[in-house]
Amino acid sequence: MAARQKAGPRKMKIDINEMSEKLARDPTISDYDVWRTLKNLNNEIFHIANNNDPIPMELIRWRAVLDRAQSKRGRG
């Protein structure tokens, strides 16, 4: 079971890195698109947290993806 626990987080980390790299290199997505989407996502997370509701892990994952993509584009 310990090996399985190590594989889970590593897999997610790879997914975040792979997706952020794809977004950073995609010429059809503008810097503004990345910035605006990240801002909208942060606003959504803020509203959820402000209501004392649990924040879905998928939103946290996408925030990490977008944040890294923005950094890789040199706009972080």
Foldseek 3Di string as FASTA:
>chain_A
DVVVVVVVVVVLVVVLVVLLVCLLPDPVADLVNLVVVLVVLVVVQVVCVVVVHDDDVVSVSVNSSSVSSNVSNVND
